[in-house]
Amino acid sequence: MTAGKGVSASETLDLARKIANIPSGEVPAMIRQMLQNRELSKTVGALDDLLAKRPEHRIVVSKALDKLGLWHCG
């Protein structure tokens, strides 16, 4: 699970959907894996960019960021 520079908006959106729909019990393991693979920062940056450039995807991106514990406003 990774995103970053050179990743298309559709790929980032797919990743956002995966994160948003992952069962809550699997989130800690997913975050641990992303940290080990040095993917967490890239993924959050890509989600943030998608949110800024494509606000029509706000709901799924905010849900993904919420699953990661990084979304605190509506």
PDB file of N, CA and C in Angstrom:
ATOM      1  N   MET A   1       0.853  -1.166   0.000  1.00  0.00           N
ATOM      2  CA  MET A   1       0.000   0.000   0.000  1.00  0.00           C
ATOM      3  C   MET A   1       0.898   1.228   0.000  1.00  0.00           C
ATOM      4  N   THR A   2       0.988   1.931  -1.089  1.00  0.00           N
ATOM      5  CA  THR A   2       1.844   3.107  -1.131  1.00  0.00           C
ATOM      6  C   THR A   2       1.339   4.102  -2.157  1.00  0.00           C
ATOM      7  N   ALA A   3       1.670   5.334  -1.940  1.00  0.00           N
ATOM      8  CA  ALA A   3       1.358   6.409  -2.875  1.00  0.00           C
ATOM      9  C   ALA A   3       2.459   7.436  -2.748  1.00  0.00           C
ATOM     10  N   GLY A   4       2.571   8.267  -3.727  1.00  0.00           N
ATOM     11  CA  GLY A   4       3.598   9.293  -3.676  1.00  0.00           C
ATOM     12  C   GLY A   4       3.715   9.966  -5.020  1.00  0.00           C
ATOM     13  N   LYS A   5       4.827  10.631  -5.232  1.00  0.00           N
ATOM     14  CA  LYS A   5       5.035  11.329  -6.494  1.00  0.00           C
ATOM     15  C   LYS A   5       4.988  10.337  -7.645  1.00  0.00           C
ATOM     16  N   GLY A   6       4.370  10.758  -8.730  1.00  0.00           N
ATOM     17  CA  GLY A   6       4.266   9.900  -9.895  1.00  0.00           C
ATOM     18  C   GLY A   6       3.082   8.952  -9.845  1.00  0.00           C
ATOM     19  N   VAL A   7       2.315   8.983  -8.769  1.00  0.00           N
ATOM     20  CA  VAL A   7       1.145   8.133  -8.639  1.00  0.00           C
ATOM     21  C   VAL A   7      -0.067   8.941  -9.087  1.00  0.00           C
ATOM     22  N   SER A   8      -0.886   8.349  -9.932  1.00  0.00           N
ATOM     23  CA  SER A   8      -2.030   9.067 -10.475  1.00  0.00           C
ATOM     24  C   SER A   8      -3.103   9.306  -9.414  1.00  0.00           C
ATOM     25  N   ALA A   9      -3.974  10.254  -9.712  1.00  0.00           N
ATOM     26  CA  ALA A   9      -5.087  10.553  -8.810  1.00  0.00           C
ATOM     27  C   ALA A   9      -5.989   9.336  -8.658  1.00  0.00           C
ATOM     28  N   SER A  10      -6.182   8.584  -9.732  1.00  0.00           N
ATOM     29  CA  SER A  10      -7.060   7.407  -9.635  1.00  0.00           C
ATOM     30  C   SER A  10      -6.425   6.328  -8.748  1.00  0.00           C
ATOM     31  N   GLU A  11      -5.102   6.175  -8.820  1.00  0.00           N
ATOM     32  CA  GLU A  11      -4.425   5.213  -7.945  1.00  0.00           C
ATOM     33  C   GLU A  11      -4.509   5.656  -6.488  1.00  0.00           C
ATOM     34  N   THR A  12      -4.349   6.951  -6.250  1.00  0.00           N
ATOM     35  CA  THR A  12      -4.453   7.469  -4.888  1.00  0.00           C
ATOM     36  C   THR A  12      -5.877   7.315  -4.377  1.00  0.00           C
ATOM     37  N   LEU A  13      -6.859   7.549  -5.243  1.00  0.00           N
ATOM     38  CA  LEU A  13      -8.259   7.375  -4.849  1.00  0.00           C
ATOM     39  C   LEU A  13      -8.532   5.909  -4.504  1.00  0.00           C
ATOM     40  N   ASP A  14      -8.007   4.987  -5.292  1.00  0.00           N
ATOM     41  CA  ASP A  14      -8.163   3.560  -4.989  1.00  0.00           C
ATOM     42  C   ASP A  14      -7.562   3.233  -3.627  1.00  0.00           C
ATOM     43  N   LEU A  15      -6.390   3.793  -3.347  1.00  0.00           N
ATOM     44  CA  LEU A  15      -5.738   3.575  -2.061  1.00  0.00           C
ATOM     45  C   LEU A  15      -6.585   4.166  -0.929  1.00  0.00           C
ATOM     46  N   ALA A  16      -7.131   5.352  -1.144  1.00  0.00           N
ATOM     47  CA  ALA A  16      -7.991   5.977  -0.137  1.00  0.00           C
ATOM     48  C   ALA A  16      -9.187   5.081   0.164  1.00  0.00           C
ATOM     49  N   ARG A  17      -9.758   4.504  -0.870  1.00  0.00           N
ATOM     50  CA  ARG A  17     -10.904   3.599  -0.673  1.00  0.00           C
ATOM     51  C   ARG A  17     -10.499   2.361   0.120  1.00  0.00           C
ATOM     52  N   LYS A  18      -9.323   1.808  -0.185  1.00  0.00           N
ATOM     53  CA  LYS A  18      -8.840   0.634   0.554  1.00  0.00           C
ATOM     54  C   LYS A  18      -8.677   0.965   2.030  1.00  0.00           C
ATOM     55  N   ILE A  19      -8.029   2.092   2.296  1.00  0.00           N
ATOM     56  CA  ILE A  19      -7.805   2.494   3.688  1.00  0.00           C
ATOM     57  C   ILE A  19      -9.130   2.782   4.380  1.00  0.00           C
ATOM     58  N   ALA A  20     -10.013   3.494   3.715  1.00  0.00           N
ATOM     59  CA  ALA A  20     -11.303   3.859   4.311  1.00  0.00           C
ATOM     60  C   ALA A  20     -12.134   2.632   4.657  1.00  0.00           C
ATOM     61  N   ASN A  21     -11.983   1.563   3.893  1.00  0.00           N
ATOM     62  CA  ASN A  21     -12.819   0.383   4.084  1.00  0.00           C
ATOM     63  C   ASN A  21     -12.160  -0.754   4.854  1.00  0.00           C
ATOM     64  N   ILE A  22     -10.917  -0.553   5.290  1.00  0.00           N
ATOM     65  CA  ILE A  22     -10.242  -1.594   6.047  1.00  0.00           C
ATOM     66  C   ILE A  22     -10.911  -1.725   7.427  1.00  0.00           C
ATOM     67  N   PRO A  23     -11.108  -2.936   7.909  1.00  0.00           N
ATOM     68  CA  PRO A  23     -11.702  -3.099   9.244  1.00  0.00           C
ATOM     69  C   PRO A  23     -10.835  -2.419  10.310  1.00  0.00           C
ATOM     70  N   SER A  24     -11.481  -1.806  11.268  1.00  0.00           N
ATOM     71  CA  SER A  24     -10.769  -1.050  12.307  1.00  0.00           C
ATOM     72  C   SER A  24      -9.720  -1.885  13.029  1.00  0.00           C
ATOM     73  N   GLY A  25      -9.985  -3.153  13.216  1.00  0.00           N
ATOM     74  CA  GLY A  25      -9.041  -4.024  13.907  1.00  0.00           C
ATOM     75  C   GLY A  25      -7.747  -4.250  13.144  1.00  0.00           C
ATOM     76  N   GLU A  26      -7.760  -3.988  11.835  1.00  0.00           N
ATOM     77  CA  GLU A  26      -6.577  -4.191  11.011  1.00  0.00           C
ATOM     78  C   GLU A  26      -5.748  -2.914  10.825  1.00  0.00           C
ATOM     79  N   VAL A  27      -6.256  -1.793  11.309  1.00  0.00           N
ATOM     80  CA  VAL A  27      -5.589  -0.508  11.107  1.00  0.00           C
ATOM     81  C   VAL A  27      -4.209  -0.459  11.765  1.00  0.00           C
ATOM     82  N   PRO A  28      -4.061  -0.869  13.028  1.00  0.00           N
ATOM     83  CA  PRO A  28      -2.715  -0.791  13.633  1.00  0.00           C
ATOM     84  C   PRO A  28      -1.663  -1.574  12.841  1.00  0.00           C
ATOM     85  N   ALA A  29      -2.004  -2.767  12.374  1.00  0.00           N
ATOM     86  CA  ALA A  29      -1.050  -3.561  11.595  1.00  0.00           C
ATOM     87  C   ALA A  29      -0.734  -2.882  10.269  1.00  0.00           C
ATOM     88  N   MET A  30      -1.746  -2.279   9.650  1.00  0.00           N
ATOM     89  CA  MET A  30      -1.538  -1.577   8.380  1.00  0.00           C
ATOM     90  C   MET A  30      -0.587  -0.395   8.584  1.00  0.00           C
ATOM     91  N   ILE A  31      -0.818   0.365   9.632  1.00  0.00           N
ATOM     92  CA  ILE A  31       0.043   1.524   9.916  1.00  0.00           C
ATOM     93  C   ILE A  31       1.462   1.065  10.229  1.00  0.00           C
ATOM     94  N   ARG A  32       1.584  -0.002  11.011  1.00  0.00           N
ATOM     95  CA  ARG A  32       2.917  -0.542  11.336  1.00  0.00           C
ATOM     96  C   ARG A  32       3.648  -0.940  10.060  1.00  0.00           C
ATOM     97  N   GLN A  33       2.949  -1.613   9.145  1.00  0.00           N
ATOM     98  CA  GLN A  33       3.554  -2.037   7.880  1.00  0.00           C
ATOM     99  C   GLN A  33       3.962  -0.827   7.042  1.00  0.00           C
ATOM    100  N   MET A  34       3.101   0.183   7.002  1.00  0.00           N
ATOM    101  CA  MET A  34       3.407   1.395   6.246  1.00  0.00           C
ATOM    102  C   MET A  34       4.624   2.105   6.827  1.00  0.00           C
ATOM    103  N   LEU A  35       4.744   2.125   8.143  1.00  0.00           N
ATOM    104  CA  LEU A  35       5.907   2.736   8.783  1.00  0.00           C
ATOM    105  C   LEU A  35       7.181   1.963   8.450  1.00  0.00           C
ATOM    106  N   GLN A  36       7.121   0.644   8.517  1.00  0.00           N
ATOM    107  CA  GLN A  36       8.288  -0.178   8.209  1.00  0.00           C
ATOM    108  C   GLN A  36       8.733   0.013   6.760  1.00  0.00           C
ATOM    109  N   ASN A  37       7.780   0.183   5.860  1.00  0.00           N
ATOM    110  CA  ASN A  37       8.087   0.343   4.431  1.00  0.00           C
ATOM    111  C   ASN A  37       8.312   1.802   4.033  1.00  0.00           C
ATOM    112  N   ARG A  38       8.294   2.679   5.029  1.00  0.00           N
ATOM    113  CA  ARG A  38       8.466   4.122   4.790  1.00  0.00           C
ATOM    114  C   ARG A  38       7.438   4.651   3.793  1.00  0.00           C
ATOM    115  N   GLU A  39       6.196   4.195   3.953  1.00  0.00           N
ATOM    116  CA  GLU A  39       5.117   4.577   3.061  1.00  0.00           C
ATOM    117  C   GLU A  39       4.109   5.526   3.697  1.00  0.00           C
ATOM    118  N   LEU A  40       4.099   5.629   5.006  1.00  0.00           N
ATOM    119  CA  LEU A  40       3.054   6.401   5.679  1.00  0.00           C
ATOM    120  C   LEU A  40       3.085   7.865   5.268  1.00  0.00           C
ATOM    121  N   SER A  41       4.228   8.486   5.317  1.00  0.00           N
ATOM    122  CA  SER A  41       4.341   9.904   4.974  1.00  0.00           C
ATOM    123  C   SER A  41       3.958  10.150   3.513  1.00  0.00           C
ATOM    124  N   LYS A  42       4.437   9.295   2.620  1.00  0.00           N
ATOM    125  CA  LYS A  42       4.110   9.438   1.199  1.00  0.00           C
ATOM    126  C   LYS A  42       2.608   9.288   0.960  1.00  0.00           C
ATOM    127  N   THR A  43       2.012   8.334   1.646  1.00  0.00           N
ATOM    128  CA  THR A  43       0.585   8.089   1.485  1.00  0.00           C
ATOM    129  C   THR A  43      -0.231   9.263   1.998  1.00  0.00           C
ATOM    130  N   VAL A  44       0.114   9.763   3.170  1.00  0.00           N
ATOM    131  CA  VAL A  44      -0.617  10.902   3.729  1.00  0.00           C
ATOM    132  C   VAL A  44      -0.456  12.121   2.821  1.00  0.00           C
ATOM    133  N   GLY A  45       0.744  12.345   2.303  1.00  0.00           N
ATOM    134  CA  GLY A  45       0.974  13.451   1.376  1.00  0.00           C
ATOM    135  C   GLY A  45       0.138  13.317   0.115  1.00  0.00           C
ATOM    136  N   ALA A  46       0.063  12.096  -0.419  1.00  0.00           N
ATOM    137  CA  ALA A  46      -0.730  11.861  -1.627  1.00  0.00           C
ATOM    138  C   ALA A  46      -2.220  12.068  -1.357  1.00  0.00           C
ATOM    139  N   LEU A  47      -2.686  11.623  -0.196  1.00  0.00           N
ATOM    140  CA  LEU A  47      -4.093  11.830   0.166  1.00  0.00           C
ATOM    141  C   LEU A  47      -4.384  13.323   0.329  1.00  0.00           C
ATOM    142  N   ASP A  48      -3.470  14.023   0.955  1.00  0.00           N
ATOM    143  CA  ASP A  48      -3.623  15.464   1.140  1.00  0.00           C
ATOM    144  C   ASP A  48      -3.659  16.183  -0.211  1.00  0.00           C
ATOM    145  N   ASP A  49      -2.766  15.798  -1.123  1.00  0.00           N
ATOM    146  CA  ASP A  49      -2.755  16.387  -2.471  1.00  0.00           C
ATOM    147  C   ASP A  49      -4.052  16.100  -3.211  1.00  0.00           C
ATOM    148  N   LEU A  50      -4.535  14.865  -3.087  1.00  0.00           N
ATOM    149  CA  LEU A  50      -5.793  14.513  -3.744  1.00  0.00           C
ATOM    150  C   LEU A  50      -6.936  15.353  -3.200  1.00  0.00           C
ATOM    151  N   LEU A  51      -6.952  15.546  -1.910  1.00  0.00           N
ATOM    152  CA  LEU A  51      -7.994  16.360  -1.282  1.00  0.00           C
ATOM    153  C   LEU A  51      -7.941  17.797  -1.786  1.00  0.00           C
ATOM    154  N   ALA A  52      -6.738  18.329  -1.945  1.00  0.00           N
ATOM    155  CA  ALA A  52      -6.578  19.715  -2.405  1.00  0.00           C
ATOM    156  C   ALA A  52      -6.940  19.864  -3.887  1.00  0.00           C
ATOM    157  N   LYS A  53      -6.558  18.883  -4.691  1.00  0.00           N
ATOM    158  CA  LYS A  53      -6.758  18.992  -6.138  1.00  0.00           C
ATOM    159  C   LYS A  53      -8.109  18.469  -6.612  1.00  0.00           C
ATOM    160  N   ARG A  54      -8.694  17.549  -5.861  1.00  0.00           N
ATOM    161  CA  ARG A  54      -9.947  16.919  -6.277  1.00  0.00           C
ATOM    162  C   ARG A  54     -10.915  16.894  -5.092  1.00  0.00           C
ATOM    163  N   PRO A  55     -11.440  18.056  -4.686  1.00  0.00           N
ATOM    164  CA  PRO A  55     -12.300  18.110  -3.496  1.00  0.00           C
ATOM    165  C   PRO A  55     -13.564  17.260  -3.601  1.00  0.00           C
ATOM    166  N   GLU A  56     -13.913  16.830  -4.808  1.00  0.00           N
ATOM    167  CA  GLU A  56     -15.092  15.966  -4.942  1.00  0.00           C
ATOM    168  C   GLU A  56     -14.877  14.600  -4.269  1.00  0.00           C
ATOM    169  N   HIS A  57     -13.634  14.287  -3.930  1.00  0.00           N
ATOM    170  CA  HIS A  57     -13.327  13.022  -3.253  1.00  0.00           C
ATOM    171  C   HIS A  57     -13.133  13.215  -1.754  1.00  0.00           C
ATOM    172  N   ARG A  58     -13.590  14.341  -1.242  1.00  0.00           N
ATOM    173  CA  ARG A  58     -13.406  14.700   0.167  1.00  0.00           C
ATOM    174  C   ARG A  58     -13.893  13.613   1.123  1.00  0.00           C
ATOM    175  N   ILE A  59     -15.032  13.033   0.848  1.00  0.00           N
ATOM    176  CA  ILE A  59     -15.601  12.065   1.788  1.00  0.00           C
ATOM    177  C   ILE A  59     -14.696  10.850   1.956  1.00  0.00           C
ATOM    178  N   VAL A  60     -14.280  10.249   0.849  1.00  0.00           N
ATOM    179  CA  VAL A  60     -13.451   9.042   0.951  1.00  0.00           C
ATOM    180  C   VAL A  60     -12.057   9.367   1.484  1.00  0.00           C
ATOM    181  N   VAL A  61     -11.496  10.501   1.087  1.00  0.00           N
ATOM    182  CA  VAL A  61     -10.159  10.871   1.580  1.00  0.00           C
ATOM    183  C   VAL A  61     -10.213  11.180   3.078  1.00  0.00           C
ATOM    184  N   SER A  62     -11.227  11.901   3.508  1.00  0.00           N
ATOM    185  CA  SER A  62     -11.329  12.220   4.933  1.00  0.00           C
ATOM    186  C   SER A  62     -11.561  10.953   5.749  1.00  0.00           C
ATOM    187  N   LYS A  63     -12.311   9.998   5.211  1.00  0.00           N
ATOM    188  CA  LYS A  63     -12.524   8.730   5.919  1.00  0.00           C
ATOM    189  C   LYS A  63     -11.208   7.960   6.025  1.00  0.00           C
ATOM    190  N   ALA A  64     -10.418   7.966   4.950  1.00  0.00           N
ATOM    191  CA  ALA A  64      -9.114   7.293   4.987  1.00  0.00           C
ATOM    192  C   ALA A  64      -8.191   7.955   6.007  1.00  0.00           C
ATOM    193  N   LEU A  65      -8.139   9.276   5.991  1.00  0.00           N
ATOM    194  CA  LEU A  65      -7.291   9.990   6.959  1.00  0.00           C
ATOM    195  C   LEU A  65      -7.786   9.767   8.371  1.00  0.00           C
ATOM    196  N   ASP A  66      -9.087   9.666   8.560  1.00  0.00           N
ATOM    197  CA  ASP A  66      -9.651   9.373   9.875  1.00  0.00           C
ATOM    198  C   ASP A  66      -9.217   7.988  10.345  1.00  0.00           C
ATOM    199  N   LYS A  67      -9.228   7.013   9.455  1.00  0.00           N
ATOM    200  CA  LYS A  67      -8.774   5.663   9.810  1.00  0.00           C
ATOM    201  C   LYS A  67      -7.315   5.694  10.256  1.00  0.00           C
ATOM    202  N   LEU A  68      -6.528   6.573   9.650  1.00  0.00           N
ATOM    203  CA  LEU A  68      -5.119   6.705  10.021  1.00  0.00           C
ATOM    204  C   LEU A  68      -4.936   7.572  11.270  1.00  0.00           C
ATOM    205  N   GLY A  69      -6.037   8.124  11.782  1.00  0.00           N
ATOM    206  CA  GLY A  69      -5.973   8.976  12.959  1.00  0.00           C
ATOM    207  C   GLY A  69      -5.495  10.386  12.655  1.00  0.00           C
ATOM    208  N   LEU A  70      -5.693  10.825  11.408  1.00  0.00           N
ATOM    209  CA  LEU A  70      -5.141  12.120  10.982  1.00  0.00           C
ATOM    210  C   LEU A  70      -6.189  13.102  10.485  1.00  0.00           C
ATOM    211  N   TRP A  71      -7.454  12.849  10.736  1.00  0.00           N
ATOM    212  CA  TRP A  71      -8.508  13.760  10.289  1.00  0.00           C
ATOM    213  C   TRP A  71      -9.320  14.136  11.498  1.00  0.00           C
ATOM    214  N   HIS A  72      -9.356  15.440  11.823  1.00  0.00           N
ATOM    215  CA  HIS A  72     -10.046  15.866  13.024  1.00  0.00           C
ATOM    216  C   HIS A  72     -11.032  17.001  12.804  1.00  0.00           C
ATOM    217  N   CYS A  73     -11.368  17.270  11.554  1.00  0.00           N
ATOM    218  CA  CYS A  73     -12.342  18.324  11.307  1.00  0.00           C
ATOM    219  C   CYS A  73     -13.279  17.876  10.194  1.00  0.00           C
ATOM    220  N   GLY A  74     -14.398  18.572  10.073  1.00  0.00           N
ATOM    221  CA  GLY A  74     -15.422  18.125   9.148  1.00  0.00           C
ATOM    222  C   GLY A  74     -15.331  18.719   7.819  1.00  0.00           C
TER     223      GLY A  74
END
